[in-house]
PDB file of N, CA and C in Angstrom:
ATOM      1  N   SER A   1     -42.909 -22.013  -9.947  1.00  0.00           N
ATOM      2  CA  SER A   1     -43.725 -23.181  -9.707  1.00  0.00           C
ATOM      3  C   SER A   1     -45.032 -23.068 -10.511  1.00  0.00           C
ATOM      4  N   GLY A   2     -45.362 -24.143 -11.204  1.00  0.00           N
ATOM      5  CA  GLY A   2     -46.615 -24.157 -11.945  1.00  0.00           C
ATOM      6  C   GLY A   2     -46.584 -23.453 -13.286  1.00  0.00           C
ATOM      7  N   GLN A   3     -45.397 -23.139 -13.781  1.00  0.00           N
ATOM      8  CA  GLN A   3     -45.292 -22.417 -15.056  1.00  0.00           C
ATOM      9  C   GLN A   3     -45.153 -23.343 -16.265  1.00  0.00           C
ATOM     10  N   GLY A   4     -44.993 -24.647 -16.022  1.00  0.00           N
ATOM     11  CA  GLY A   4     -44.921 -25.595 -17.134  1.00  0.00           C
ATOM     12  C   GLY A   4     -43.520 -25.998 -17.545  1.00  0.00           C
ATOM     13  N   LYS A   5     -42.525 -25.693 -16.725  1.00  0.00           N
ATOM     14  CA  LYS A   5     -41.138 -26.045 -17.090  1.00  0.00           C
ATOM     15  C   LYS A   5     -40.975 -27.552 -17.258  1.00  0.00           C
ATOM     16  N   SER A   6     -41.452 -28.309 -16.281  1.00  0.00           N
ATOM     17  CA  SER A   6     -41.320 -29.771 -16.360  1.00  0.00           C
ATOM     18  C   SER A   6     -42.131 -30.326 -17.518  1.00  0.00           C
ATOM     19  N   THR A   7     -43.294 -29.770 -17.775  1.00  0.00           N
ATOM     20  CA  THR A   7     -44.115 -30.213 -18.899  1.00  0.00           C
ATOM     21  C   THR A   7     -43.379 -29.967 -20.209  1.00  0.00           C
ATOM     22  N   LEU A   8     -42.778 -28.801 -20.358  1.00  0.00           N
ATOM     23  CA  LEU A   8     -42.011 -28.502 -21.575  1.00  0.00           C
ATOM     24  C   LEU A   8     -40.874 -29.497 -21.753  1.00  0.00           C
ATOM     25  N   LEU A   9     -40.146 -29.785 -20.696  1.00  0.00           N
ATOM     26  CA  LEU A   9     -39.038 -30.740 -20.800  1.00  0.00           C
ATOM     27  C   LEU A   9     -39.539 -32.136 -21.160  1.00  0.00           C
ATOM     28  N   ARG A  10     -40.675 -32.536 -20.610  1.00  0.00           N
ATOM     29  CA  ARG A  10     -41.247 -33.835 -20.944  1.00  0.00           C
ATOM     30  C   ARG A  10     -41.702 -33.876 -22.409  1.00  0.00           C
ATOM     31  N   ILE A  11     -42.221 -32.773 -22.909  1.00  0.00           N
ATOM     32  CA  ILE A  11     -42.608 -32.696 -24.324  1.00  0.00           C
ATOM     33  C   ILE A  11     -41.372 -32.809 -25.205  1.00  0.00           C
ATOM     34  N   LEU A  12     -40.313 -32.097 -24.859  1.00  0.00           N
ATOM     35  CA  LEU A  12     -39.081 -32.161 -25.646  1.00  0.00           C
ATOM     36  C   LEU A  12     -38.461 -33.549 -25.635  1.00  0.00           C
ATOM     37  N   ALA A  13     -38.648 -34.279 -24.536  1.00  0.00           N
ATOM     38  CA  ALA A  13     -38.128 -35.641 -24.430  1.00  0.00           C
ATOM     39  C   ALA A  13     -39.081 -36.669 -25.045  1.00  0.00           C
ATOM     40  N   LEU A  14     -40.186 -36.207 -25.614  1.00  0.00           N
ATOM     41  CA  LEU A  14     -41.203 -37.061 -26.240  1.00  0.00           C
ATOM     42  C   LEU A  14     -41.865 -38.004 -25.236  1.00  0.00           C
ATOM     43  N   LEU A  15     -41.927 -37.579 -23.990  1.00  0.00           N
ATOM     44  CA  LEU A  15     -42.606 -38.353 -22.958  1.00  0.00           C
ATOM     45  C   LEU A  15     -44.054 -37.905 -22.797  1.00  0.00           C
ATOM     46  N   THR A  16     -44.373 -36.697 -23.258  1.00  0.00           N
ATOM     47  CA  THR A  16     -45.712 -36.125 -23.192  1.00  0.00           C
ATOM     48  C   THR A  16     -46.010 -35.471 -24.535  1.00  0.00           C
ATOM     49  N   ARG A  17     -47.229 -35.658 -25.043  1.00  0.00           N
ATOM     50  CA  ARG A  17     -47.623 -35.008 -26.299  1.00  0.00           C
ATOM     51  C   ARG A  17     -48.106 -33.592 -26.012  1.00  0.00           C
ATOM     52  N   PRO A  18     -47.701 -32.635 -26.838  1.00  0.00           N
ATOM     53  CA  PRO A  18     -48.194 -31.272 -26.631  1.00  0.00           C
ATOM     54  C   PRO A  18     -49.672 -31.163 -26.997  1.00  0.00           C
ATOM     55  N   ASP A  19     -50.389 -30.275 -26.313  1.00  0.00           N
ATOM     56  CA  ASP A  19     -51.795 -30.039 -26.639  1.00  0.00           C
ATOM     57  C   ASP A  19     -51.932 -29.342 -27.989  1.00  0.00           C
ATOM     58  N   SER A  20     -50.936 -28.531 -28.334  1.00  0.00           N
ATOM     59  CA  SER A  20     -50.944 -27.856 -29.630  1.00  0.00           C
ATOM     60  C   SER A  20     -49.507 -27.492 -29.982  1.00  0.00           C
ATOM     61  N   GLY A  21     -49.305 -27.081 -31.215  1.00  0.00           N
ATOM     62  CA  GLY A  21     -47.974 -26.705 -31.660  1.00  0.00           C
ATOM     63  C   GLY A  21     -47.174 -27.903 -32.132  1.00  0.00           C
ATOM     64  N   THR A  22     -45.934 -27.660 -32.495  1.00  0.00           N
ATOM     65  CA  THR A  22     -45.065 -28.717 -32.999  1.00  0.00           C
ATOM     66  C   THR A  22     -43.717 -28.669 -32.299  1.00  0.00           C
ATOM     67  N   VAL A  23     -43.074 -29.802 -32.274  1.00  0.00           N
ATOM     68  CA  VAL A  23     -41.732 -29.930 -31.720  1.00  0.00           C
ATOM     69  C   VAL A  23     -40.812 -30.313 -32.864  1.00  0.00           C
ATOM     70  N   ARG A  24     -39.692 -29.636 -32.972  1.00  0.00           N
ATOM     71  CA  ARG A  24     -38.709 -29.952 -34.014  1.00  0.00           C
ATOM     72  C   ARG A  24     -37.319 -29.915 -33.404  1.00  0.00           C
ATOM     73  N   LEU A  25     -36.472 -30.792 -33.902  1.00  0.00           N
ATOM     74  CA  LEU A  25     -35.072 -30.831 -33.500  1.00  0.00           C
ATOM     75  C   LEU A  25     -34.248 -30.763 -34.770  1.00  0.00           C
ATOM     76  N   ALA A  26     -33.402 -29.767 -34.862  1.00  0.00           N
ATOM     77  CA  ALA A  26     -32.616 -29.525 -36.078  1.00  0.00           C
ATOM     78  C   ALA A  26     -33.544 -29.378 -37.288  1.00  0.00           C
ATOM     79  N   GLY A  27     -34.717 -28.777 -37.052  1.00  0.00           N
ATOM     80  CA  GLY A  27     -35.655 -28.509 -38.133  1.00  0.00           C
ATOM     81  C   GLY A  27     -36.517 -29.685 -38.550  1.00  0.00           C
ATOM     82  N   LYS A  28     -36.344 -30.850 -37.888  1.00  0.00           N
ATOM     83  CA  LYS A  28     -37.110 -32.040 -38.263  1.00  0.00           C
ATOM     84  C   LYS A  28     -38.041 -32.443 -37.126  1.00  0.00           C
ATOM     85  N   PRO A  29     -39.278 -32.868 -37.479  1.00  0.00           N
ATOM     86  CA  PRO A  29     -40.207 -33.334 -36.444  1.00  0.00           C
ATOM     87  C   PRO A  29     -39.754 -34.700 -35.917  1.00  0.00           C
ATOM     88  N   PRO A  30     -40.258 -35.095 -34.750  1.00  0.00           N
ATOM     89  CA  PRO A  30     -39.852 -36.368 -34.156  1.00  0.00           C
ATOM     90  C   PRO A  30     -40.050 -37.578 -35.067  1.00  0.00           C
ATOM     91  N   GLU A  31     -41.053 -37.541 -35.919  1.00  0.00           N
ATOM     92  CA  GLU A  31     -41.333 -38.680 -36.802  1.00  0.00           C
ATOM     93  C   GLU A  31     -40.188 -38.959 -37.770  1.00  0.00           C
ATOM     94  N   GLN A  32     -39.347 -37.953 -38.034  1.00  0.00           N
ATOM     95  CA  GLN A  32     -38.225 -38.137 -38.951  1.00  0.00           C
ATOM     96  C   GLN A  32     -36.958 -38.606 -38.234  1.00  0.00           C
ATOM     97  N   TRP A  33     -37.063 -38.876 -36.954  1.00  0.00           N
ATOM     98  CA  TRP A  33     -35.941 -39.364 -36.153  1.00  0.00           C
ATOM     99  C   TRP A  33     -36.274 -40.758 -35.629  1.00  0.00           C
ATOM    100  N   THR A  34     -35.283 -41.586 -35.440  1.00  0.00           N
ATOM    101  CA  THR A  34     -35.522 -42.800 -34.669  1.00  0.00           C
ATOM    102  C   THR A  34     -35.539 -42.368 -33.204  1.00  0.00           C
ATOM    103  N   PRO A  35     -36.312 -43.048 -32.362  1.00  0.00           N
ATOM    104  CA  PRO A  35     -36.327 -42.664 -30.946  1.00  0.00           C
ATOM    105  C   PRO A  35     -34.928 -42.656 -30.322  1.00  0.00           C
ATOM    106  N   GLU A  36     -34.100 -43.622 -30.721  1.00  0.00           N
ATOM    107  CA  GLU A  36     -32.744 -43.687 -30.169  1.00  0.00           C
ATOM    108  C   GLU A  36     -31.932 -42.448 -30.544  1.00  0.00           C
ATOM    109  N   ARG A  37     -32.008 -42.044 -31.796  1.00  0.00           N
ATOM    110  CA  ARG A  37     -31.223 -40.886 -32.258  1.00  0.00           C
ATOM    111  C   ARG A  37     -31.730 -39.599 -31.602  1.00  0.00           C
ATOM    112  N   TRP A  38     -33.053 -39.459 -31.503  1.00  0.00           N
ATOM    113  CA  TRP A  38     -33.637 -38.279 -30.849  1.00  0.00           C
ATOM    114  C   TRP A  38     -33.099 -38.184 -29.424  1.00  0.00           C
ATOM    115  N   ARG A  39     -33.151 -39.299 -28.698  1.00  0.00           N
ATOM    116  CA  ARG A  39     -32.764 -39.283 -27.288  1.00  0.00           C
ATOM    117  C   ARG A  39     -31.260 -39.193 -27.090  1.00  0.00           C
ATOM    118  N   MET A  40     -30.471 -39.504 -28.117  1.00  0.00           N
ATOM    119  CA  MET A  40     -29.027 -39.281 -28.020  1.00  0.00           C
ATOM    120  C   MET A  40     -28.721 -37.793 -28.209  1.00  0.00           C
ATOM    121  N   THR A  41     -29.632 -37.081 -28.858  1.00  0.00           N
ATOM    122  CA  THR A  41     -29.444 -35.659 -29.129  1.00  0.00           C
ATOM    123  C   THR A  41     -30.124 -34.799 -28.070  1.00  0.00           C
ATOM    124  N   MET A  42     -31.300 -35.220 -27.637  1.00  0.00           N
ATOM    125  CA  MET A  42     -32.097 -34.474 -26.659  1.00  0.00           C
ATOM    126  C   MET A  42     -32.124 -35.279 -25.365  1.00  0.00           C
ATOM    127  N   SER A  43     -31.736 -34.692 -24.272  1.00  0.00           N
ATOM    128  CA  SER A  43     -31.713 -35.408 -22.993  1.00  0.00           C
ATOM    129  C   SER A  43     -32.731 -34.834 -22.028  1.00  0.00           C
ATOM    130  N   TYR A  44     -33.229 -35.698 -21.168  1.00  0.00           N
ATOM    131  CA  TYR A  44     -34.169 -35.303 -20.134  1.00  0.00           C
ATOM    132  C   TYR A  44     -33.667 -35.854 -18.810  1.00  0.00           C
ATOM    133  N   VAL A  45     -33.593 -35.002 -17.812  1.00  0.00           N
ATOM    134  CA  VAL A  45     -33.197 -35.430 -16.475  1.00  0.00           C
ATOM    135  C   VAL A  45     -34.343 -35.102 -15.540  1.00  0.00           C
ATOM    136  N   SER A  46     -34.907 -36.132 -14.945  1.00  0.00           N
ATOM    137  CA  SER A  46     -36.043 -35.963 -14.054  1.00  0.00           C
ATOM    138  C   SER A  46     -35.636 -35.260 -12.767  1.00  0.00           C
ATOM    139  N   GLN A  47     -36.573 -34.544 -12.178  1.00  0.00           N
ATOM    140  CA  GLN A  47     -36.314 -33.920 -10.877  1.00  0.00           C
ATOM    141  C   GLN A  47     -36.195 -34.967  -9.785  1.00  0.00           C
ATOM    142  N   HIS A  48     -36.790 -36.128 -10.011  1.00  0.00           N
ATOM    143  CA  HIS A  48     -36.731 -37.227  -9.052  1.00  0.00           C
ATOM    144  C   HIS A  48     -35.819 -38.303  -9.639  1.00  0.00           C
ATOM    145  N   PRO A  49     -34.582 -38.374  -9.178  1.00  0.00           N
ATOM    146  CA  PRO A  49     -33.630 -39.314  -9.776  1.00  0.00           C
ATOM    147  C   PRO A  49     -34.048 -40.764  -9.558  1.00  0.00           C
ATOM    148  N   VAL A  50     -33.758 -41.571 -10.539  1.00  0.00           N
ATOM    149  CA  VAL A  50     -34.038 -42.996 -10.473  1.00  0.00           C
ATOM    150  C   VAL A  50     -32.748 -43.725 -10.804  1.00  0.00           C
ATOM    151  N   MET A  51     -32.338 -44.590  -9.910  1.00  0.00           N
ATOM    152  CA  MET A  51     -31.130 -45.374 -10.146  1.00  0.00           C
ATOM    153  C   MET A  51     -31.521 -46.795 -10.515  1.00  0.00           C
ATOM    154  N   LEU A  52     -30.790 -47.367 -11.449  1.00  0.00           N
ATOM    155  CA  LEU A  52     -30.926 -48.779 -11.760  1.00  0.00           C
ATOM    156  C   LEU A  52     -30.201 -49.558 -10.674  1.00  0.00           C
ATOM    157  N   PRO A  53     -30.457 -50.845 -10.549  1.00  0.00           N
ATOM    158  CA  PRO A  53     -29.717 -51.627  -9.552  1.00  0.00           C
ATOM    159  C   PRO A  53     -28.212 -51.556  -9.821  1.00  0.00           C
ATOM    160  N   GLY A  54     -27.442 -51.506  -8.759  1.00  0.00           N
ATOM    161  CA  GLY A  54     -25.990 -51.467  -8.902  1.00  0.00           C
ATOM    162  C   GLY A  54     -25.428 -50.131  -8.465  1.00  0.00           C
ATOM    163  N   SER A  55     -24.173 -49.931  -8.770  1.00  0.00           N
ATOM    164  CA  SER A  55     -23.459 -48.723  -8.368  1.00  0.00           C
ATOM    165  C   SER A  55     -23.728 -47.575  -9.341  1.00  0.00           C
ATOM    166  N   VAL A  56     -23.241 -46.401  -8.978  1.00  0.00           N
ATOM    167  CA  VAL A  56     -23.324 -45.252  -9.878  1.00  0.00           C
ATOM    168  C   VAL A  56     -22.581 -45.576 -11.173  1.00  0.00           C
ATOM    169  N   GLU A  57     -21.423 -46.185 -11.055  1.00  0.00           N
ATOM    170  CA  GLU A  57     -20.660 -46.551 -12.258  1.00  0.00           C
ATOM    171  C   GLU A  57     -21.459 -47.518 -13.133  1.00  0.00           C
ATOM    172  N   ASP A  58     -22.146 -48.485 -12.520  1.00  0.00           N
ATOM    173  CA  ASP A  58     -22.989 -49.401 -13.299  1.00  0.00           C
ATOM    174  C   ASP A  58     -24.049 -48.632 -14.086  1.00  0.00           C
ATOM    175  N   ASN A  59     -24.643 -47.627 -13.443  1.00  0.00           N
ATOM    176  CA  ASN A  59     -25.664 -46.812 -14.103  1.00  0.00           C
ATOM    177  C   ASN A  59     -25.056 -46.032 -15.263  1.00  0.00           C
ATOM    178  N   LEU A  60     -23.882 -45.457 -15.066  1.00  0.00           N
ATOM    179  CA  LEU A  60     -23.221 -44.717 -16.141  1.00  0.00           C
ATOM    180  C   LEU A  60     -22.838 -45.647 -17.288  1.00  0.00           C
ATOM    181  N   ARG A  61     -22.387 -46.839 -16.969  1.00  0.00           N
ATOM    182  CA  ARG A  61     -22.042 -47.811 -18.013  1.00  0.00           C
ATOM    183  C   ARG A  61     -23.282 -48.191 -18.838  1.00  0.00           C
ATOM    184  N   THR A  62     -24.426 -48.282 -18.192  1.00  0.00           N
ATOM    185  CA  THR A  62     -25.669 -48.610 -18.899  1.00  0.00           C
ATOM    186  C   THR A  62     -25.968 -47.559 -19.959  1.00  0.00           C
ATOM    187  N   VAL A  63     -25.823 -46.288 -19.610  1.00  0.00           N
ATOM    188  CA  VAL A  63     -26.069 -45.210 -20.573  1.00  0.00           C
ATOM    189  C   VAL A  63     -25.100 -45.316 -21.748  1.00  0.00           C
ATOM    190  N   SER A  64     -23.823 -45.539 -21.459  1.00  0.00           N
ATOM    191  CA  SER A  64     -22.844 -45.688 -22.539  1.00  0.00           C
ATOM    192  C   SER A  64     -23.205 -46.859 -23.445  1.00  0.00           C
ATOM    193  N   ARG A  65     -23.613 -47.962 -22.846  1.00  0.00           N
ATOM    194  CA  ARG A  65     -23.983 -49.141 -23.632  1.00  0.00           C
ATOM    195  C   ARG A  65     -25.216 -48.857 -24.495  1.00  0.00           C
ATOM    196  N   LEU A  66     -26.232 -48.205 -23.930  1.00  0.00           N
ATOM    197  CA  LEU A  66     -27.443 -47.887 -24.688  1.00  0.00           C
ATOM    198  C   LEU A  66     -27.157 -46.955 -25.851  1.00  0.00           C
ATOM    199  N   HIS A  67     -26.200 -46.052 -25.668  1.00  0.00           N
ATOM    200  CA  HIS A  67     -25.853 -45.087 -26.716  1.00  0.00           C
ATOM    201  C   HIS A  67     -24.727 -45.587 -27.612  1.00  0.00           C
ATOM    202  N   GLN A  68     -24.312 -46.840 -27.360  1.00  0.00           N
ATOM    203  CA  GLN A  68     -23.245 -47.454 -28.153  1.00  0.00           C
ATOM    204  C   GLN A  68     -22.001 -46.579 -28.187  1.00  0.00           C
ATOM    205  N   ARG A  69     -21.638 -46.104 -27.013  1.00  0.00           N
ATOM    206  CA  ARG A  69     -20.450 -45.269 -26.853  1.00  0.00           C
ATOM    207  C   ARG A  69     -19.489 -45.950 -25.896  1.00  0.00           C
ATOM    208  N   SER A  70     -18.219 -45.663 -26.035  1.00  0.00           N
ATOM    209  CA  SER A  70     -17.262 -46.223 -25.089  1.00  0.00           C
ATOM    210  C   SER A  70     -17.467 -45.579 -23.728  1.00  0.00           C
ATOM    211  N   PHE A  71     -17.120 -46.301 -22.693  1.00  0.00           N
ATOM    212  CA  PHE A  71     -17.305 -45.809 -21.341  1.00  0.00           C
ATOM    213  C   PHE A  71     -15.997 -45.181 -20.855  1.00  0.00           C
ATOM    214  N   PRO A  72     -16.018 -43.876 -20.540  1.00  0.00           N
ATOM    215  CA  PRO A  72     -14.786 -43.210 -20.078  1.00  0.00           C
ATOM    216  C   PRO A  72     -14.555 -43.481 -18.581  1.00  0.00           C
ATOM    217  N   ALA A  73     -13.985 -44.630 -18.266  1.00  0.00           N
ATOM    218  CA  ALA A  73     -13.802 -45.040 -16.866  1.00  0.00           C
ATOM    219  C   ALA A  73     -12.990 -44.021 -16.076  1.00  0.00           C
ATOM    220  N   ASP A  74     -12.053 -43.353 -16.724  1.00  0.00           N
ATOM    221  CA  ASP A  74     -11.242 -42.354 -16.017  1.00  0.00           C
ATOM    222  C   ASP A  74     -12.060 -41.150 -15.570  1.00  0.00           C
ATOM    223  N   ARG A  75     -13.200 -40.900 -16.231  1.00  0.00           N
ATOM    224  CA  ARG A  75     -14.067 -39.776 -15.848  1.00  0.00           C
ATOM    225  C   ARG A  75     -15.142 -40.186 -14.855  1.00  0.00           C
ATOM    226  N   ALA A  76     -15.359 -41.479 -14.709  1.00  0.00           N
ATOM    227  CA  ALA A  76     -16.364 -41.962 -13.770  1.00  0.00           C
ATOM    228  C   ALA A  76     -15.795 -41.852 -12.369  1.00  0.00           C
TER     229      ALA A  76
END
């Protein structure tokens, strides 16, 4: 507790700016990525879950749609 784990994850997800240092993914800084591509590669899961309106399946379908991926209904 209090060691900065959540802060590090938020920095990696580009939700918080680091006070110092640099963040790179595959050797490239965030500026060389589109936000969509960065977030398709780097994921952040909050400790406090947030659901969109609808069912769990609706929420999973939203992620597939945002990432322009097919929805694996058999795995849902």
